[in-house]
Amino acid sequence: MKPDKLDNSSDRYHRASYRYYALGLLTVVYTFNFVDRQLLAILQESIKLELGLSDSQLGLLTGFAFAIFYVTAGIPIARWADRSVRRNIVALAIGTWSFMTALSGLASNYGQLLAARVGVGIGEAGGSPPAHSMISDIFPARQRATALSFYSMGINFGILFGFLLGGWLNEFFGWRVAFLVVGIPGLLMALAVRFTLAEPARGFSQDTTAEDDAPPLKEVLALLWSRRSFRHLAMGVALSGFVGFGASNWMAPFFIRSHGMGTGELGTWLALSAGIGGALGTFGSGFISDVLGRRDQRWYLWIPAIATLLAMPFFLGVFSADNQYVALSLYLVPGFLGSVFIGPSLAMTHGLVGLRMRALASAILFFALNLIGLGLGPWAIGALSDALVASHGIDSLRYALLYLIPPVSVWCAIHYLLASRSIRADLTLAPN
């Protein structure tokens, strides 16, 4: 196997300043990923009224329509990333999803909007697995959860700007303008990635090189499936996604319907809780996991389990409160804890596989996260809300969230705890 063709020297990564520049740039890219994705959550009610949609259709639009193409494209793109120049794939991905986001603002019916969101999903499938692989090559294992958690703050920054920009742009200019304003700047980011980011050598942080070709998908799947810790970890991540994506995608419609809030004020509140608070929780979990993980690697899984259980009673309060400001205040805690699982879970997944398996391992983990979490979560809540309209009227969404989010949270925590029982033994079996 010939080494990757690099048009920029990996020697740049010997400078700490360049390593942090690369991490920062990739985090900005991930922020754009979630701005484009989260925008739809705050715009749902306006789109529903104009296009005459049901909650099931909205759940399909924000869930399965996006997720099924995201996960289908994610595996082959990750396989490509394990064999090729990852920087170029990230640049192409952000250009694609940003263009399709802008097109979403031109949709005149449900079918066109659905097609545009499918395009966004395909584009976004090429963003994270190559970026995860690059970050794991740039930073050593003892810093990996912290670095991946910093990158994962892009989720929270994306939620912040998606809710904030989407809420106020929708209120003053309408939902179509919001899609156009958010989509266009991503095309400039694609150029920044392509022409300022160097491709790191594989194994750079471990002072080794990957000489062999990337193994086939079947081999990576077999390795991960043979690790009991990964089977439970993947299920824990998937159920975390069900809770997180399900709640965040329906939180705005819930407050609009049950509490009569406008998108501007609501977007500001949600940006504060899931955006700023969530970013602190995401980064903090990675940093704490790396500190405690040096003593006992099980902390990488105990922390997501604890966070999931801590958030559950606050979710109950959010969906039960009669006053919107009480509910919004209670949501600060789940907002803070909602993405805690990502950095530690990715670090453990990369620790279980070889150098040329990392992008594909991320894609496999994200397959579970997005198919069950993003795909099933919003759709299941929307379908249950439609089924409860006859008995609960305008509060049907409130009860759908109340019936699904808490029990799935408990189920999720159980899998993280089960994964922790075998993670230390499984990490010792990881190939080079």
Protein backbone atom coordinates (compact mmCIF):
# COMPACT_ATOMS: atom_id res chain seq x y z
CA MET A 1 0.00 0.00 0.00
CA LYS A 2 1.40 3.40 -0.97
CA PRO A 3 1.29 6.00 1.75
CA ASP A 4 -1.37 8.69 1.59
CA LYS A 5 -0.54 11.47 -0.84
CA LEU A 6 -0.18 14.55 1.32
CA ASP A 7 0.05 18.02 -0.22
CA ASN A 8 0.95 19.49 3.17
CA SER A 9 3.64 18.15 5.46
CA SER A 10 2.54 16.43 8.66
CA ASP A 11 5.51 18.16 10.29
CA ARG A 12 3.17 21.07 10.95
CA TYR A 13 1.53 18.96 13.64
CA HIS A 14 4.72 18.97 15.70
CA ARG A 15 3.73 22.54 16.61
CA ALA A 16 1.10 22.66 19.35
CA SER A 17 -0.35 25.83 17.82
CA TYR A 18 -1.10 24.04 14.56
CA ARG A 19 -2.61 21.03 16.32
CA TYR A 20 -5.03 23.34 18.11
CA TYR A 21 -5.71 25.27 14.90
CA ALA A 22 -6.69 22.02 13.19
CA LEU A 23 -8.90 21.01 16.12
CA GLY A 24 -10.51 24.46 16.17
CA LEU A 25 -11.18 24.47 12.42
CA LEU A 26 -12.72 20.99 12.50
CA THR A 27 -14.88 22.09 15.44
CA VAL A 28 -16.15 25.08 13.43
CA VAL A 29 -17.00 22.68 10.59
CA TYR A 30 -18.94 20.49 13.03
CA THR A 31 -20.73 23.60 14.29
CA PHE A 32 -21.95 24.29 10.76
CA ASN A 33 -23.04 20.65 10.58
CA PHE A 34 -25.37 21.09 13.54
CA VAL A 35 -26.52 24.59 12.67
CA ASP A 36 -27.81 23.17 9.40
CA ARG A 37 -29.32 20.17 11.18
CA GLN A 38 -30.78 21.97 14.20
CA LEU A 39 -32.28 24.82 12.21
CA LEU A 40 -35.17 22.62 11.20
CA ALA A 41 -36.11 22.01 14.86
CA ILE A 42 -36.91 25.67 15.58
CA LEU A 43 -38.60 26.16 12.19
CA GLN A 44 -40.88 23.10 12.38
CA GLU A 45 -44.05 24.86 13.47
CA SER A 46 -43.79 27.51 10.73
CA ILE A 47 -43.11 24.83 8.11
CA LYS A 48 -45.96 22.69 9.45
CA LEU A 49 -48.44 25.55 9.12
CA GLU A 50 -47.35 26.60 5.62
CA LEU A 51 -47.09 23.10 4.14
CA GLY A 52 -49.92 21.51 6.17
CA LEU A 53 -47.91 18.67 7.74
CA SER A 54 -48.62 16.21 10.56
CA ASP A 55 -46.29 15.47 13.48
CA SER A 56 -45.48 12.10 11.90
CA GLN A 57 -44.35 13.86 8.72
CA LEU A 58 -42.26 16.30 10.75
CA GLY A 59 -40.72 13.40 12.67
CA LEU A 60 -39.87 11.71 9.38
CA LEU A 61 -38.38 14.94 8.06
CA THR A 62 -36.15 15.53 11.09
CA GLY A 63 -35.54 11.84 11.78
CA PHE A 64 -35.59 8.93 9.35
CA ALA A 65 -35.44 10.92 6.09
CA PHE A 66 -32.18 12.46 7.27
CA ALA A 67 -30.82 9.53 9.26
CA ILE A 68 -31.35 6.70 6.78
CA PHE A 69 -29.26 8.40 4.11
CA TYR A 70 -26.78 9.71 6.68
CA VAL A 71 -26.02 6.22 7.95
CA THR A 72 -26.18 4.58 4.50
CA ALA A 73 -23.64 7.01 3.04
CA GLY A 74 -21.57 7.14 6.23
CA ILE A 75 -20.08 3.63 6.00
CA PRO A 76 -18.64 3.85 2.44
CA ILE A 77 -17.44 7.42 3.02
CA ALA A 78 -15.66 6.32 6.20
CA ARG A 79 -14.10 3.40 4.30
CA TRP A 80 -12.88 5.96 1.74
CA ALA A 81 -11.51 8.14 4.57
CA ASP A 82 -9.49 5.25 6.02
CA ARG A 83 -7.75 4.91 2.64
CA SER A 84 -7.52 8.46 1.30
CA VAL A 85 -6.92 12.12 2.21
CA ARG A 86 -9.43 12.86 4.93
CA ARG A 87 -9.09 16.64 4.71
CA ASN A 88 -10.45 16.64 1.14
CA ILE A 89 -13.43 14.51 2.15
CA VAL A 90 -14.35 16.91 4.98
CA ALA A 91 -14.14 19.88 2.59
CA LEU A 92 -16.38 18.16 0.03
CA ALA A 93 -18.85 17.17 2.75
CA ILE A 94 -19.37 20.67 4.17
CA GLY A 95 -19.75 22.11 0.68
CA THR A 96 -22.43 19.54 -0.13
CA TRP A 97 -24.53 19.85 3.03
CA SER A 98 -24.36 23.66 3.02
CA PHE A 99 -25.59 23.81 -0.58
CA MET A 100 -28.47 21.45 0.21
CA THR A 101 -29.39 23.49 3.32
CA ALA A 102 -29.69 26.61 1.17
CA LEU A 103 -31.87 24.65 -1.27
CA SER A 104 -34.19 23.74 1.63
CA GLY A 105 -35.28 27.38 1.70
CA LEU A 106 -36.52 27.10 -1.90
CA ALA A 107 -38.75 24.05 -1.35
CA SER A 108 -42.38 24.63 -2.30
CA ASN A 109 -43.80 21.32 -1.01
CA TYR A 110 -43.09 18.47 1.37
CA GLY A 111 -41.48 16.26 -1.26
CA GLN A 112 -38.96 18.92 -2.26
CA LEU A 113 -38.08 19.69 1.34
CA LEU A 114 -37.70 15.97 2.07
CA ALA A 115 -35.33 15.61 -0.91
CA ALA A 116 -33.27 18.58 0.24
CA ARG A 117 -32.94 17.14 3.76
CA VAL A 118 -31.83 13.81 2.27
CA GLY A 119 -29.09 15.77 0.48
CA VAL A 120 -28.08 17.39 3.76
CA GLY A 121 -27.88 13.94 5.36
CA ILE A 122 -25.64 12.56 2.61
CA GLY A 123 -23.33 15.56 2.87
CA GLU A 124 -23.10 15.45 6.64
CA ALA A 125 -22.24 11.73 6.53
CA GLY A 126 -18.80 12.74 5.25
CA GLY A 127 -18.03 15.16 8.07
CA SER A 128 -17.46 13.41 11.38
CA PRO A 129 -15.78 10.02 10.69
CA PRO A 130 -12.82 11.56 8.78
CA ALA A 131 -12.55 14.34 11.37
CA HIS A 132 -12.60 11.83 14.26
CA SER A 133 -9.82 9.86 12.58
CA MET A 134 -7.70 12.99 12.07
CA ILE A 135 -8.13 14.10 15.69
CA SER A 136 -7.13 10.68 17.01
CA ASP A 137 -3.96 10.89 14.90
CA ILE A 138 -3.17 14.42 16.13
CA PHE A 139 -3.72 13.84 19.88
CA PRO A 140 -2.40 10.92 21.99
CA ALA A 141 -4.67 8.51 23.85
CA ARG A 142 -4.31 10.34 27.18
CA GLN A 143 -5.77 13.52 25.59
CA ARG A 144 -8.10 11.90 23.07
CA ALA A 145 -11.41 12.12 24.95
CA THR A 146 -10.70 15.78 25.74
CA ALA A 147 -9.90 16.57 22.08
CA LEU A 148 -12.89 14.63 20.75
CA SER A 149 -15.13 16.30 23.33
CA PHE A 150 -13.83 19.72 22.28
CA TYR A 151 -14.69 18.80 18.68
CA SER A 152 -18.08 17.52 19.82
CA MET A 153 -18.86 20.94 21.29
CA GLY A 154 -19.64 21.74 17.67
CA ILE A 155 -22.96 20.02 18.37
CA ASN A 156 -23.76 22.51 21.11
CA PHE A 157 -22.44 25.55 19.26
CA GLY A 158 -24.51 24.42 16.28
CA ILE A 159 -27.59 24.09 18.46
CA LEU A 160 -26.88 27.54 19.93
CA PHE A 161 -26.62 29.31 16.58
CA GLY A 162 -29.31 27.14 14.98
CA PHE A 163 -31.86 28.04 17.65
CA LEU A 164 -30.72 31.66 17.99
CA LEU A 165 -30.43 32.52 14.29
CA GLY A 166 -33.33 30.32 13.25
CA GLY A 167 -35.66 31.66 15.92
CA TRP A 168 -35.11 35.35 15.18
CA LEU A 169 -34.72 35.03 11.40
CA ASN A 170 -37.98 33.08 11.27
CA GLU A 171 -39.76 35.67 13.37
CA PHE A 172 -38.67 38.60 11.19
CA PHE A 173 -38.09 37.12 7.73
CA GLY A 174 -39.65 33.63 7.62
CA TRP A 175 -38.27 30.10 7.57
CA ARG A 176 -37.08 30.19 3.95
CA VAL A 177 -34.68 33.07 4.56
CA ALA A 178 -33.30 31.25 7.63
CA PHE A 179 -32.23 28.26 5.52
CA LEU A 180 -30.57 30.48 2.91
CA VAL A 181 -28.68 32.62 5.43
CA VAL A 182 -27.32 29.58 7.28
CA GLY A 183 -26.44 27.49 4.21
CA ILE A 184 -24.33 29.92 2.19
CA PRO A 185 -21.41 30.57 4.66
CA GLY A 186 -20.67 26.84 4.78
CA LEU A 187 -19.40 27.00 1.21
CA LEU A 188 -16.65 29.37 2.37
CA MET A 189 -15.73 26.99 5.19
CA ALA A 190 -15.20 24.23 2.62
CA LEU A 191 -12.49 26.35 0.97
CA ALA A 192 -10.84 27.08 4.33
CA VAL A 193 -10.58 23.35 5.10
CA ARG A 194 -9.26 22.43 1.66
CA PHE A 195 -6.54 25.08 1.49
CA THR A 196 -5.41 25.65 5.11
CA LEU A 197 -5.65 22.23 6.78
CA ALA A 198 -2.84 19.68 6.43
CA GLU A 199 -3.53 15.96 6.35
CA PRO A 200 -1.86 14.34 9.41
CA ALA A 201 0.11 11.12 9.05
CA ARG A 202 -1.78 8.14 10.43
CA GLY A 203 -0.41 7.18 13.81
CA PHE A 204 1.30 10.58 14.23
CA SER A 205 0.40 10.89 17.93
CA GLN A 206 1.65 7.36 18.62
CA ASP A 207 5.02 7.77 16.83
CA THR A 208 4.09 4.98 14.45
CA THR A 209 2.85 4.64 10.89
CA ALA A 210 0.10 2.68 9.22
CA GLU A 211 1.72 0.82 6.36
CA ASP A 212 -1.07 -1.65 5.60
CA ASP A 213 -4.17 -0.99 3.59
CA ALA A 214 -7.37 -0.25 5.46
CA PRO A 215 -9.11 -3.51 6.39
CA PRO A 216 -12.48 -4.33 4.82
CA LEU A 217 -15.75 -3.43 6.52
CA LYS A 218 -16.42 -7.07 7.37
CA GLU A 219 -13.18 -7.28 9.37
CA VAL A 220 -13.84 -4.08 11.33
CA LEU A 221 -17.42 -5.15 12.07
CA ALA A 222 -16.25 -8.57 13.21
CA LEU A 223 -13.66 -7.05 15.52
CA LEU A 224 -16.09 -4.60 17.11
CA TRP A 225 -18.86 -7.19 17.43
CA SER A 226 -16.44 -9.56 19.18
CA ARG A 227 -15.96 -6.95 21.93
CA ARG A 228 -18.74 -7.22 24.47
CA SER A 229 -18.01 -3.70 25.70
CA PHE A 230 -18.60 -2.23 22.23
CA ARG A 231 -21.94 -4.00 21.78
CA HIS A 232 -23.26 -2.39 24.97
CA LEU A 233 -21.50 0.91 24.24
CA ALA A 234 -23.12 1.16 20.81
CA MET A 235 -26.53 0.49 22.30
CA GLY A 236 -25.95 3.05 25.04
CA VAL A 237 -24.93 5.64 22.43
CA ALA A 238 -27.96 4.81 20.29
CA LEU A 239 -30.34 5.26 23.21
CA SER A 240 -28.54 8.45 24.26
CA GLY A 241 -29.30 9.68 20.76
CA PHE A 242 -32.94 8.67 21.09
CA VAL A 243 -33.24 10.79 24.22
CA GLY A 244 -31.08 13.68 23.01
CA PHE A 245 -32.29 14.00 19.43
CA GLY A 246 -35.85 13.16 20.38
CA ALA A 247 -35.97 15.85 23.05
CA SER A 248 -34.07 18.55 21.15
CA ASN A 249 -36.01 18.09 17.91
CA TRP A 250 -39.38 18.41 19.67
CA MET A 251 -38.52 20.85 22.46
CA ALA A 252 -39.35 23.96 20.39
CA PRO A 253 -42.76 22.66 19.17
CA PHE A 254 -43.53 21.56 22.75
CA PHE A 255 -42.98 25.05 24.19
CA ILE A 256 -44.77 26.72 21.28
CA ARG A 257 -47.86 24.51 21.63
CA SER A 258 -48.09 23.92 25.37
CA HIS A 259 -46.80 27.30 26.53
CA GLY A 260 -47.58 29.61 23.59
CA MET A 261 -44.02 30.92 23.18
CA GLY A 262 -42.66 32.75 20.11
CA THR A 263 -39.63 31.42 18.22
CA GLY A 264 -37.39 34.40 19.03
CA GLU A 265 -37.59 34.23 22.83
CA LEU A 266 -37.72 30.43 22.80
CA GLY A 267 -34.70 30.15 20.51
CA THR A 268 -32.70 32.33 22.90
CA TRP A 269 -33.60 30.14 25.90
CA LEU A 270 -32.80 26.90 24.08
CA ALA A 271 -29.55 28.36 22.77
CA LEU A 272 -28.55 29.13 26.36
CA SER A 273 -29.38 25.68 27.74
CA ALA A 274 -28.47 23.23 24.98
CA GLY A 275 -25.93 25.52 23.34
CA ILE A 276 -23.77 27.18 25.99
CA GLY A 277 -24.63 24.80 28.84
CA GLY A 278 -24.34 21.78 26.57
CA ALA A 279 -20.91 22.86 25.29
CA LEU A 280 -19.60 23.09 28.87
CA GLY A 281 -20.98 19.63 29.65
CA THR A 282 -19.59 18.10 26.45
CA PHE A 283 -16.06 19.42 26.94
CA GLY A 284 -16.08 18.85 30.69
CA SER A 285 -17.03 15.20 30.32
CA GLY A 286 -14.11 14.51 27.99
CA PHE A 287 -11.62 16.29 30.23
CA ILE A 288 -12.89 14.58 33.39
CA SER A 289 -12.95 11.20 31.63
CA ASP A 290 -9.30 11.58 30.63
CA VAL A 291 -8.32 12.55 34.19
CA LEU A 292 -10.28 9.78 35.94
CA GLY A 293 -9.64 7.30 33.13
CA ARG A 294 -5.92 7.27 33.96
CA ARG A 295 -6.88 5.62 37.25
CA ASP A 296 -9.64 3.38 35.89
CA GLN A 297 -10.74 3.22 32.26
CA ARG A 298 -14.26 2.33 33.32
CA TRP A 299 -14.83 6.02 34.10
CA TYR A 300 -15.18 6.61 30.35
CA LEU A 301 -18.45 4.67 30.57
CA TRP A 302 -19.50 5.46 34.12
CA ILE A 303 -19.66 9.20 33.36
CA PRO A 304 -22.24 8.86 30.52
CA ALA A 305 -24.29 6.48 32.72
CA ILE A 306 -24.32 8.91 35.64
CA ALA A 307 -25.16 11.88 33.39
CA THR A 308 -28.09 10.03 31.79
CA LEU A 309 -29.61 9.13 35.16
CA LEU A 310 -29.10 12.64 36.55
CA ALA A 311 -30.92 14.22 33.61
CA MET A 312 -34.02 12.01 33.87
CA PRO A 313 -35.83 13.67 36.83
CA PHE A 314 -35.25 17.09 35.28
CA PHE A 315 -36.85 15.90 32.04
CA LEU A 316 -39.86 14.82 34.10
CA GLY A 317 -40.04 18.32 35.55
CA VAL A 318 -39.74 20.00 32.14
CA PHE A 319 -42.65 18.06 30.66
CA SER A 320 -44.82 18.35 33.79
CA ALA A 321 -44.38 22.04 34.69
CA ASP A 322 -47.28 24.42 34.06
CA ASN A 323 -45.11 27.54 33.83
CA GLN A 324 -42.84 27.91 30.80
CA TYR A 325 -40.03 29.62 32.70
CA VAL A 326 -39.96 26.90 35.33
CA ALA A 327 -39.81 24.31 32.54
CA LEU A 328 -37.10 26.21 30.68
CA SER A 329 -35.04 26.58 33.86
CA LEU A 330 -35.31 22.86 34.57
CA TYR A 331 -34.18 22.14 31.00
CA LEU A 332 -30.80 23.74 31.77
CA VAL A 333 -29.71 20.49 33.43
CA PRO A 334 -30.59 18.06 30.58
CA GLY A 335 -29.18 20.66 28.18
CA PHE A 336 -25.88 20.58 30.09
CA LEU A 337 -25.78 16.77 30.24
CA GLY A 338 -27.22 15.91 26.83
CA SER A 339 -23.96 15.42 24.88
CA VAL A 340 -21.76 14.17 27.73
CA PHE A 341 -21.58 10.69 26.23
CA ILE A 342 -19.99 11.58 22.89
CA GLY A 343 -16.32 12.26 23.66
CA PRO A 344 -15.76 9.34 26.07
CA SER A 345 -17.67 6.94 23.78
CA LEU A 346 -15.61 7.90 20.72
CA ALA A 347 -12.35 7.65 22.67
CA MET A 348 -13.19 4.11 23.78
CA THR A 349 -14.30 3.10 20.29
CA HIS A 350 -11.01 4.31 18.77
CA GLY A 351 -9.11 2.57 21.55
CA LEU A 352 -10.63 -0.76 20.52
CA VAL A 353 -9.49 -0.65 16.86
CA GLY A 354 -6.37 -0.17 14.71
CA LEU A 355 -5.05 3.02 13.08
CA ARG A 356 -6.74 2.47 9.72
CA MET A 357 -10.02 1.44 11.30
CA ARG A 358 -10.86 4.65 13.15
CA ALA A 359 -12.98 6.50 10.59
CA LEU A 360 -14.92 3.32 9.88
CA ALA A 361 -15.30 2.57 13.60
CA SER A 362 -16.73 6.08 14.09
CA ALA A 363 -19.13 5.53 11.20
CA ILE A 364 -20.30 2.22 12.68
CA LEU A 365 -20.88 3.85 16.07
CA PHE A 366 -22.70 6.74 14.38
CA PHE A 367 -24.75 4.24 12.39
CA ALA A 368 -26.28 3.10 15.67
CA LEU A 369 -26.49 6.65 17.04
CA ASN A 370 -28.25 8.08 14.01
CA LEU A 371 -30.42 5.15 12.94
CA ILE A 372 -31.91 4.53 16.39
CA GLY A 373 -31.30 7.94 17.94
CA LEU A 374 -31.87 10.46 15.17
CA GLY A 375 -34.00 8.18 13.01
CA LEU A 376 -36.29 6.50 15.50
CA GLY A 377 -36.30 9.11 18.29
CA PRO A 378 -38.01 12.10 16.60
CA TRP A 379 -40.29 9.86 14.53
CA ALA A 380 -41.45 7.76 17.51
CA ILE A 381 -42.27 10.87 19.54
CA GLY A 382 -44.10 12.45 16.60
CA ALA A 383 -46.10 9.28 15.89
CA LEU A 384 -47.07 8.90 19.56
CA SER A 385 -48.07 12.58 19.65
CA ASP A 386 -50.40 12.03 16.69
CA ALA A 387 -51.89 8.98 18.43
CA LEU A 388 -52.52 10.97 21.62
CA VAL A 389 -54.24 13.96 19.98
CA ALA A 390 -57.72 12.49 20.52
CA SER A 391 -57.19 12.11 24.27
CA HIS A 392 -54.82 15.01 25.07
CA GLY A 393 -55.42 17.60 22.35
CA ILE A 394 -52.74 20.30 22.10
CA ASP A 395 -50.79 18.63 24.94
CA SER A 396 -50.35 15.38 23.01
CA LEU A 397 -46.68 16.22 22.38
CA ARG A 398 -46.12 16.89 26.09
CA TYR A 399 -47.34 13.40 26.98
CA ALA A 400 -45.48 11.72 24.12
CA LEU A 401 -42.23 13.17 25.49
CA LEU A 402 -43.20 12.27 29.05
CA TYR A 403 -44.00 8.65 28.16
CA LEU A 404 -40.84 7.97 26.12
CA ILE A 405 -37.86 10.02 27.34
CA PRO A 406 -37.56 8.85 31.03
CA PRO A 407 -37.81 5.07 30.49
CA VAL A 408 -35.40 5.15 27.55
CA SER A 409 -32.95 7.10 29.75
CA VAL A 410 -32.88 4.28 32.32
CA TRP A 411 -32.46 1.66 29.59
CA CYS A 412 -29.56 3.70 28.17
CA ALA A 413 -27.69 3.93 31.48
CA ILE A 414 -27.90 0.15 31.97
CA HIS A 415 -25.98 -0.44 28.72
CA TYR A 416 -23.17 1.94 29.68
CA LEU A 417 -22.81 0.14 33.01
CA LEU A 418 -22.75 -3.25 31.30
CA ALA A 419 -20.11 -1.97 28.83
CA SER A 420 -17.91 -0.86 31.73
CA ARG A 421 -17.65 -4.44 33.01
CA SER A 422 -15.50 -5.61 30.06
CA ILE A 423 -13.94 -2.42 28.63
CA ARG A 424 -10.53 -2.80 30.31
CA ALA A 425 -10.02 -6.34 29.03
CA ASP A 426 -11.22 -5.44 25.54
CA LEU A 427 -8.85 -2.45 25.25
CA THR A 428 -5.85 -4.72 25.81
CA LEU A 429 -6.87 -6.73 22.70
CA ALA A 430 -6.82 -3.76 20.31
CA PRO A 431 -4.70 -4.23 17.14
CA ASN A 432 -2.04 -1.72 16.13
